[in-house]
């Protein structure tokens, strides 16, 4: 493995990124982002239900159109029908509660992402100031990510010869969104260029996740809805968010590894609990002490 790393520098960086991800317990950081993202879906659904209520009011069969497009059957189809009927009755209340809840839980998602980024850089957050930073990030990221998803959707209906233009534009917006995320949420005052490697990784990974979400997930839901009902939708969302959480951590680690390759590292003392019969000899990036017998 070491010979391969010396022969192919790009492979060596990939292995360093993977090792750092494991050292920081990246899967647990990603799980925190996944949980926060999943919880933020509920107020988001309130807003979506309110929008459905206004859209379906006066339309003959909006539920039928949604069921046909997603290929739902059985309990899942009945769930959508009942849901849209209910949103028409409570669309104004859902809208008010949804906006307030989305803002609150959205900050929870921002806090989880911010914690993952700061952990990768081994820095501490800034308390209540992070809440204000989160509001600023939500405003910019909402516009950039919404534009990115809109471009992705438009690319599906563009003529074939214009598809590359849509893909490049979507990647450009995604890269800008990731740069905005790293620059605003990371408690490191570095130049934009310092976050470019992770932004490129994040944009490429998000492009793959959007393609999976737009092509594979609807087919998965359609094939599983007859057996699992509405749970199939929940499982699909959780799986998508799980990969997104890992993408956030990998992109942040990519920035840190690239920075250290250019600027080096420093060594600091780390207090660990004193245990008789053990001698601390090293500590991981996550603060875990490695000991040897006394």
Protein backbone atom coordinates (compact mmCIF):
# COMPACT_ATOMS: atom_id res chain seq x y z
CA UNK A 1 0.00 0.00 0.00
CA UNK A 2 2.82 2.42 0.83
CA UNK A 3 4.50 1.68 -2.50
CA UNK A 4 1.27 2.48 -4.32
CA UNK A 5 0.94 5.74 -2.37
CA UNK A 6 4.48 6.77 -3.37
CA UNK A 7 3.91 5.79 -7.00
CA UNK A 8 0.55 7.54 -7.38
CA UNK A 9 0.33 10.74 -5.29
CA UNK A 10 -3.43 11.02 -5.84
CA UNK A 11 -3.89 7.55 -4.38
CA UNK A 12 -1.79 8.54 -1.38
CA UNK A 13 -4.07 11.52 -0.75
CA UNK A 14 -7.16 9.33 -1.02
CA UNK A 15 -5.74 6.96 1.58
CA UNK A 16 -4.82 9.86 3.89
CA UNK A 17 -8.36 11.19 3.59
CA UNK A 18 -9.81 7.76 4.39
CA UNK A 19 -7.47 7.30 7.36
CA UNK A 20 -8.35 10.72 8.74
CA UNK A 21 -12.06 10.01 8.26
CA UNK A 22 -11.70 6.82 10.28
CA UNK A 23 -9.56 8.50 12.94
CA UNK A 24 -12.22 11.18 13.48
CA UNK A 25 -14.98 8.52 13.73
CA UNK A 26 -16.50 10.01 10.61
CA UNK A 27 -19.45 7.61 10.52
CA UNK A 28 -20.70 8.98 13.84
CA UNK A 29 -20.31 12.58 12.67
CA UNK A 30 -22.22 11.66 9.52
CA UNK A 31 -24.95 10.01 11.62
CA UNK A 32 -25.44 13.27 13.53
CA UNK A 33 -25.92 15.13 10.23
CA UNK A 34 -28.32 12.42 9.04
CA UNK A 35 -30.44 12.60 12.19
CA UNK A 36 -30.59 16.40 12.14
CA UNK A 37 -31.47 16.33 8.44
CA UNK A 38 -34.21 13.77 8.98
CA UNK A 39 -35.74 15.75 11.84
CA UNK A 40 -35.68 18.90 9.71
CA UNK A 41 -37.84 17.11 7.14
CA UNK A 42 -40.91 17.24 9.39
CA UNK A 43 -41.36 21.03 9.46
CA UNK A 44 -40.32 21.05 5.82
CA UNK A 45 -43.17 18.64 5.13
CA UNK A 46 -45.54 21.03 6.92
CA UNK A 47 -44.55 23.76 4.49
CA UNK A 48 -44.83 21.31 1.57
CA UNK A 49 -48.26 20.17 2.78
CA UNK A 50 -49.39 23.78 2.99
CA UNK A 51 -48.20 24.35 -0.56
CA UNK A 52 -50.00 21.19 -1.67
CA UNK A 53 -53.14 22.43 0.04
CA UNK A 54 -53.08 25.68 -1.89
CA UNK A 55 -52.20 23.95 -5.16
CA UNK A 56 -54.78 21.22 -4.82
CA UNK A 57 -57.55 23.63 -3.83
CA UNK A 58 -59.73 23.84 -6.91
CA UNK A 59 -57.87 21.14 -8.85
CA UNK A 60 -59.69 17.95 -9.70
CA UNK A 61 -57.12 15.22 -9.12
CA UNK A 62 -53.73 16.43 -7.87
CA UNK A 63 -53.42 13.29 -5.72
CA UNK A 64 -53.97 11.11 -8.78
CA UNK A 65 -51.25 12.95 -10.69
CA UNK A 66 -48.72 12.46 -7.86
CA UNK A 67 -49.61 8.79 -7.45
CA UNK A 68 -49.26 8.17 -11.17
CA UNK A 69 -45.88 9.93 -11.42
CA UNK A 70 -44.42 8.04 -8.44
CA UNK A 71 -46.03 4.73 -9.38
CA UNK A 72 -47.55 4.27 -5.92
CA UNK A 73 -50.03 1.53 -5.10
CA UNK A 74 -51.82 0.13 -2.07
CA UNK A 75 -51.36 1.82 1.30
CA UNK A 76 -48.85 4.35 -0.03
CA UNK A 77 -51.33 5.58 -2.67
CA UNK A 78 -54.13 5.83 -0.12
CA UNK A 79 -51.79 7.70 2.23
CA UNK A 80 -51.11 10.36 -0.42
CA UNK A 81 -54.82 10.71 -1.19
CA UNK A 82 -55.77 11.19 2.47
CA UNK A 83 -52.84 13.52 3.05
CA UNK A 84 -53.74 15.92 0.25
CA UNK A 85 -57.37 15.93 1.33
CA UNK A 86 -56.30 16.89 4.85
CA UNK A 87 -53.91 19.62 3.70
CA UNK A 88 -56.75 21.38 1.89
CA UNK A 89 -58.50 21.78 5.25
CA UNK A 90 -55.49 22.98 7.28
CA UNK A 91 -53.22 24.67 4.74
CA UNK A 92 -53.07 28.05 6.52
CA UNK A 93 -52.17 26.57 9.92
CA UNK A 94 -49.62 24.22 8.38
CA UNK A 95 -47.98 27.13 6.63
CA UNK A 96 -47.52 29.20 9.81
CA UNK A 97 -46.28 26.29 11.92
CA UNK A 98 -44.09 24.98 9.12
CA UNK A 99 -42.16 28.18 8.52
CA UNK A 100 -41.36 28.61 12.23
CA UNK A 101 -40.53 24.92 12.69
CA UNK A 102 -38.41 24.78 9.55
CA UNK A 103 -36.32 27.69 10.75
CA UNK A 104 -35.78 26.14 14.19
CA UNK A 105 -34.97 22.63 13.02
CA UNK A 106 -32.99 23.99 10.10
CA UNK A 107 -30.66 25.56 12.63
CA UNK A 108 -30.33 22.11 14.21
CA UNK A 109 -29.13 20.75 10.88
CA UNK A 110 -26.74 23.68 10.52
CA UNK A 111 -25.36 22.98 14.01
CA UNK A 112 -24.74 19.33 13.12
CA UNK A 113 -22.97 20.26 9.88
CA UNK A 114 -20.98 22.95 11.68
CA UNK A 115 -19.91 20.50 14.37
CA UNK A 116 -18.71 18.02 11.72
CA UNK A 117 -16.70 20.71 9.92
CA UNK A 118 -15.14 22.06 13.11
CA UNK A 119 -14.28 18.55 14.28
CA UNK A 120 -12.43 17.90 11.02
CA UNK A 121 -10.42 21.10 11.59
CA UNK A 122 -10.08 20.36 15.33
CA UNK A 123 -11.51 23.69 16.40
CA UNK A 124 -14.33 24.69 18.75
CA UNK A 125 -17.54 26.48 17.83
CA UNK A 126 -18.49 29.98 18.94
CA UNK A 127 -21.70 29.38 20.92
CA UNK A 128 -24.60 31.73 20.27
CA UNK A 129 -22.75 33.44 17.43
CA UNK A 130 -23.01 30.19 15.50
CA UNK A 131 -26.81 30.59 15.52
CA UNK A 132 -26.52 33.94 13.76
CA UNK A 133 -24.01 32.45 11.35
CA UNK A 134 -26.47 29.61 10.72
CA UNK A 135 -29.18 32.07 9.71
CA UNK A 136 -26.78 33.72 7.27
CA UNK A 137 -25.79 30.33 5.86
CA UNK A 138 -29.44 29.26 5.45
CA UNK A 139 -30.18 32.34 3.35
CA UNK A 140 -27.27 31.85 0.95
CA UNK A 141 -27.30 28.05 0.83
CA UNK A 142 -31.05 27.94 0.28
CA UNK A 143 -30.73 30.05 -2.86
CA UNK A 144 -27.70 28.15 -4.19
CA UNK A 145 -29.01 24.63 -3.52
CA UNK A 146 -32.49 25.52 -4.81
CA UNK A 147 -30.91 26.82 -8.01
CA UNK A 148 -28.82 23.66 -8.28
CA UNK A 149 -31.81 21.35 -7.93
CA UNK A 150 -33.79 23.49 -10.39
CA UNK A 151 -30.99 23.20 -12.96
CA UNK A 152 -30.87 19.43 -12.43
CA UNK A 153 -34.61 19.16 -13.00
CA UNK A 154 -34.42 21.37 -16.09
CA UNK A 155 -31.58 19.27 -17.52
CA UNK A 156 -33.95 16.29 -17.72
CA UNK A 157 -36.17 18.10 -20.24
CA UNK A 158 -33.49 19.87 -22.26
CA UNK A 159 -32.48 18.57 -25.69
CA UNK A 160 -29.65 16.10 -25.65
CA UNK A 161 -27.07 18.49 -27.07
CA UNK A 162 -27.72 20.97 -24.22
CA UNK A 163 -27.44 18.38 -21.44
CA UNK A 164 -23.70 19.02 -20.84
CA UNK A 165 -24.43 22.72 -20.34
CA UNK A 166 -27.01 21.92 -17.67
CA UNK A 167 -24.64 19.49 -15.95
CA UNK A 168 -21.77 22.01 -15.88
CA UNK A 169 -24.05 24.76 -14.60
CA UNK A 170 -25.36 22.47 -11.87
CA UNK A 171 -21.82 21.51 -10.83
CA UNK A 172 -20.85 25.18 -10.74
CA UNK A 173 -23.76 26.04 -8.44
CA UNK A 174 -23.03 23.03 -6.23
CA UNK A 175 -19.37 24.04 -5.94
CA UNK A 176 -20.43 27.55 -4.98
CA UNK A 177 -22.83 26.18 -2.37
CA UNK A 178 -20.10 24.03 -0.80
CA UNK A 179 -17.65 26.93 -0.79
CA UNK A 180 -20.28 29.04 0.94
CA UNK A 181 -20.86 26.25 3.48
CA UNK A 182 -17.18 25.79 4.34
CA UNK A 183 -16.40 29.51 4.43
CA UNK A 184 -19.37 30.48 6.60
CA UNK A 185 -19.79 27.49 8.92
CA UNK A 186 -16.16 26.45 9.56
CA UNK A 187 -14.59 28.25 12.53
CA UNK A 188 -11.40 28.81 10.52
CA UNK A 189 -10.77 32.15 8.83
CA UNK A 190 -9.10 30.90 5.65
CA UNK A 191 -9.20 32.04 2.04
CA UNK A 192 -11.88 30.66 -0.28
CA UNK A 193 -9.24 28.74 -2.24
CA UNK A 194 -8.40 26.72 0.86
CA UNK A 195 -11.86 25.16 0.72
CA UNK A 196 -11.88 24.45 -3.01
CA UNK A 197 -10.71 20.78 -2.88
CA UNK A 198 -13.53 19.81 -0.54
CA UNK A 199 -16.03 21.88 -2.53
CA UNK A 200 -15.15 19.97 -5.70
CA UNK A 201 -15.50 16.63 -3.91
CA UNK A 202 -18.80 17.75 -2.38
CA UNK A 203 -20.19 19.01 -5.69
CA UNK A 204 -19.30 15.78 -7.51
CA UNK A 205 -20.77 13.66 -4.71
CA UNK A 206 -23.93 15.74 -4.51
CA UNK A 207 -24.38 15.42 -8.25
CA UNK A 208 -24.32 11.64 -7.88
CA UNK A 209 -26.75 11.77 -4.95
CA UNK A 210 -29.15 13.99 -6.90
CA UNK A 211 -29.05 11.57 -9.82
CA UNK A 212 -29.75 8.68 -7.44
CA UNK A 213 -32.54 10.65 -5.78
CA UNK A 214 -34.12 11.56 -9.11
CA UNK A 215 -33.78 8.21 -10.89
CA UNK A 216 -33.23 5.31 -8.51
CA UNK A 217 -35.21 6.38 -5.43
CA UNK A 218 -38.59 6.81 -7.22
CA UNK A 219 -38.18 3.34 -8.75
CA UNK A 220 -37.25 1.91 -5.37
CA UNK A 221 -40.29 3.51 -3.74
CA UNK A 222 -42.57 2.32 -6.53
CA UNK A 223 -41.34 -1.27 -6.31
CA UNK A 224 -41.43 -1.39 -2.51
CA UNK A 225 -44.59 0.62 -1.83
CA UNK A 226 -46.89 -2.35 -2.34
CA UNK A 227 -45.02 -4.35 0.31
CA UNK A 228 -43.84 -1.71 2.79
CA UNK A 229 -46.30 1.11 2.18
CA UNK A 230 -45.24 4.57 3.33
CA UNK A 231 -42.24 3.11 5.20
CA UNK A 232 -40.51 2.69 1.86
CA UNK A 233 -40.44 6.48 1.44
CA UNK A 234 -38.93 6.92 4.93
CA UNK A 235 -36.26 4.28 4.29
CA UNK A 236 -35.34 5.92 0.99
CA UNK A 237 -35.01 9.36 2.62
CA UNK A 238 -32.89 8.00 5.46
CA UNK A 239 -30.57 6.20 3.04
CA UNK A 240 -30.13 9.37 0.96
CA UNK A 241 -29.45 11.49 4.05
CA UNK A 242 -26.97 8.92 5.39
CA UNK A 243 -24.85 9.20 2.25
CA UNK A 244 -25.19 12.99 2.33
CA UNK A 245 -23.90 13.09 5.93
CA UNK A 246 -20.86 11.06 4.98
CA UNK A 247 -20.27 13.30 1.99
CA UNK A 248 -20.18 16.34 4.30
CA UNK A 249 -17.49 14.74 6.49
CA UNK A 250 -15.40 13.47 3.56
CA UNK A 251 -15.49 16.89 1.89
CA UNK A 252 -14.38 18.61 5.11
CA UNK A 253 -11.58 16.08 5.66
CA UNK A 254 -10.41 16.62 2.08
CA UNK A 255 -9.88 20.32 2.84
CA UNK A 256 -7.93 19.57 6.02
CA UNK A 257 -5.65 16.98 4.41
CA UNK A 258 -4.93 19.29 1.46
CA UNK A 259 -4.14 22.17 3.83
CA UNK A 260 -1.77 20.06 5.92
CA UNK A 261 0.05 18.84 2.83
CA UNK A 262 0.83 22.46 1.93
CA UNK A 263 1.32 24.05 5.35
CA UNK A 264 2.26 21.18 7.67
CA UNK A 265 1.08 20.50 11.24
CA UNK A 266 1.99 21.39 14.82
CA UNK A 267 2.06 19.17 17.88
CA UNK A 268 0.30 20.12 21.12
CA UNK A 269 0.00 18.46 24.51
CA UNK A 270 -3.25 16.64 25.21
CA UNK A 271 -4.30 15.81 28.81
CA UNK A 272 -5.70 12.29 29.23
CA UNK A 273 -6.92 10.48 32.38
CA UNK A 274 -4.09 8.96 34.42
CA UNK A 275 -4.46 5.19 34.78
CA UNK A 276 -2.01 3.16 36.89
CA UNK A 277 0.01 0.71 34.81
CA UNK A 278 -0.45 2.57 31.52
CA UNK A 279 1.73 5.16 29.81
CA UNK A 280 0.12 7.42 27.14
CA UNK A 281 2.34 7.46 24.07
CA UNK A 282 0.14 9.00 21.41
CA UNK A 283 -3.31 10.53 20.80
CA UNK A 284 -5.57 10.37 17.76
CA UNK A 285 -7.10 13.37 16.04
CA UNK A 286 -10.31 12.59 17.92
CA UNK A 287 -8.54 12.93 21.28
CA UNK A 288 -8.30 9.21 21.99
CA UNK A 289 -5.18 8.35 23.99
CA UNK A 290 -3.08 5.37 22.86
CA UNK A 291 -1.20 3.76 25.73
CA UNK A 292 1.53 1.20 26.34
CA UNK A 293 2.19 -0.90 29.45
CA UNK A 294 4.28 0.89 32.10
